[in-house]
Amino acid sequence: MEAQTALTTEERVREALRLVDDPEVGMNIVDLGLIYRIDIVPERVRIELTMTTPACPMGDLITENARRAVSAAMPEGVAVDIALVWEPPWTPELMSDSARQTFGWPG
């Protein structure tokens, strides 16, 4: 089990999540600041993510794409749980500096 845990790092999870774009804005969900928390325990990864608004019509798609991307990057037998959360509410300040620059917002 230790080998699996060693292979399941937060950076590896973030790399997988960077492959998931919000189709409405064409940017990955990590740089958009949609990932609030990543917890890794033996044989399980739990991710808390949010959307830019509770009315986001892409929430189910983004959540499922995140689950698939992380599952594909994890060793066999590691479960991936995604929790869609709304607290704290998302704000543009949660975006990476490069994401804010892309949209022309001061960073």
Protein backbone atom coordinates (compact mmCIF):
# COMPACT_ATOMS: atom_id res chain seq x y z
CA MET A 1 0.00 0.00 0.00
CA GLU A 2 2.87 2.40 0.65
CA ALA A 3 3.91 2.23 -2.99
CA GLN A 4 0.40 3.22 -4.07
CA THR A 5 0.33 6.13 -1.64
CA ALA A 6 3.75 7.29 -2.84
CA LEU A 7 2.45 7.32 -6.42
CA THR A 8 -0.69 9.20 -5.42
CA THR A 9 0.60 12.67 -4.69
CA GLU A 10 -1.22 15.98 -4.67
CA GLU A 11 0.92 17.21 -7.56
CA ARG A 12 0.02 14.15 -9.62
CA VAL A 13 -3.67 14.82 -8.93
CA ARG A 14 -3.27 18.50 -9.89
CA GLU A 15 -1.50 17.52 -13.11
CA ALA A 16 -4.44 15.29 -14.01
CA LEU A 17 -6.92 18.05 -13.15
CA ARG A 18 -5.04 20.49 -15.38
CA LEU A 19 -6.23 18.33 -18.30
CA VAL A 20 -9.84 19.24 -17.47
CA ASP A 21 -11.10 22.45 -19.05
CA ASP A 22 -14.17 24.48 -18.26
CA PRO A 23 -15.65 24.39 -21.77
CA GLU A 24 -17.32 27.76 -21.36
CA VAL A 25 -14.05 29.61 -20.86
CA GLY A 26 -11.50 27.22 -22.38
CA MET A 27 -9.21 27.08 -19.35
CA ASN A 28 -8.28 24.27 -16.99
CA ILE A 29 -10.06 24.00 -13.67
CA VAL A 30 -6.85 24.26 -11.62
CA ASP A 31 -5.85 27.65 -13.06
CA LEU A 32 -9.46 28.82 -12.78
CA GLY A 33 -9.23 28.21 -9.03
CA LEU A 34 -12.04 25.66 -8.97
CA ILE A 35 -10.09 23.10 -6.92
CA TYR A 36 -10.53 23.80 -3.22
CA ARG A 37 -9.08 20.71 -1.59
CA ILE A 38 -7.32 17.45 -2.35
CA ASP A 39 -7.16 14.77 0.33
CA ILE A 40 -5.15 11.63 -0.27
CA VAL A 41 -5.39 8.56 1.94
CA PRO A 42 -4.44 4.99 1.08
CA GLU A 43 -6.58 3.78 -1.81
CA ARG A 44 -8.67 6.99 -2.02
CA VAL A 45 -8.42 10.52 -3.38
CA ARG A 46 -11.08 13.04 -2.39
CA ILE A 47 -11.34 16.32 -4.24
CA GLU A 48 -13.50 19.31 -3.40
CA LEU A 49 -14.21 21.54 -6.34
CA THR A 50 -16.59 24.32 -7.16
CA MET A 51 -17.96 26.08 -10.21
CA THR A 52 -17.77 29.78 -11.00
CA THR A 53 -21.49 29.95 -10.21
CA PRO A 54 -24.08 27.52 -8.82
CA ALA A 55 -26.03 28.03 -12.05
CA CYS A 56 -23.13 26.68 -14.16
CA PRO A 57 -24.67 24.35 -16.76
CA MET A 58 -21.35 22.49 -17.13
CA GLY A 59 -21.08 21.35 -13.49
CA ASP A 60 -21.93 17.70 -14.12
CA LEU A 61 -19.67 17.49 -17.16
CA ILE A 62 -16.72 19.13 -15.41
CA THR A 63 -17.16 16.94 -12.32
CA GLU A 64 -17.27 13.76 -14.38
CA ASN A 65 -14.30 14.83 -16.51
CA ALA A 66 -12.33 15.54 -13.31
CA ARG A 67 -13.19 12.10 -11.93
CA ARG A 68 -12.11 10.41 -15.16
CA ALA A 69 -8.85 12.37 -15.47
CA VAL A 70 -7.76 11.67 -11.90
CA SER A 71 -8.83 8.02 -12.05
CA ALA A 72 -6.74 7.53 -15.19
CA ALA A 73 -3.68 8.99 -13.44
CA MET A 74 -3.97 6.90 -10.28
CA PRO A 75 -2.69 3.40 -9.63
CA GLU A 76 -5.25 0.62 -9.96
CA GLY A 77 -7.46 0.31 -6.90
CA VAL A 78 -7.39 3.98 -5.92
CA ALA A 79 -10.94 5.36 -5.67
CA VAL A 80 -11.63 8.95 -6.67
CA ASP A 81 -14.39 10.90 -4.93
CA ILE A 82 -15.40 14.32 -6.21
CA ALA A 83 -17.45 16.64 -4.00
CA LEU A 84 -19.02 19.71 -5.55
CA VAL A 85 -18.98 22.46 -2.93
CA TRP A 86 -20.20 26.05 -2.84
CA GLU A 87 -18.42 27.46 0.22
CA PRO A 88 -16.54 29.62 -0.02
CA PRO A 89 -18.07 31.07 -3.17
CA TRP A 90 -15.71 31.22 -6.13
CA THR A 91 -14.23 34.62 -7.01
CA PRO A 92 -11.73 35.65 -9.70
CA GLU A 93 -9.10 36.12 -6.99
CA LEU A 94 -8.89 32.31 -6.78
CA MET A 95 -7.51 32.09 -10.32
CA SER A 96 -3.81 31.73 -10.99
CA ASP A 97 -1.93 34.87 -12.03
CA SER A 98 -1.63 33.56 -15.59
CA ALA A 99 -5.39 32.90 -15.76
CA ARG A 100 -6.19 36.44 -14.59
CA GLN A 101 -3.76 37.83 -17.18
CA THR A 102 -5.39 35.72 -19.89
CA PHE A 103 -8.72 37.35 -19.10
CA GLY A 104 -7.19 40.80 -18.71
CA TRP A 105 -7.88 41.06 -14.99
CA PRO A 106 -5.37 42.68 -12.66
CA GLY A 107 -3.43 40.13 -10.71
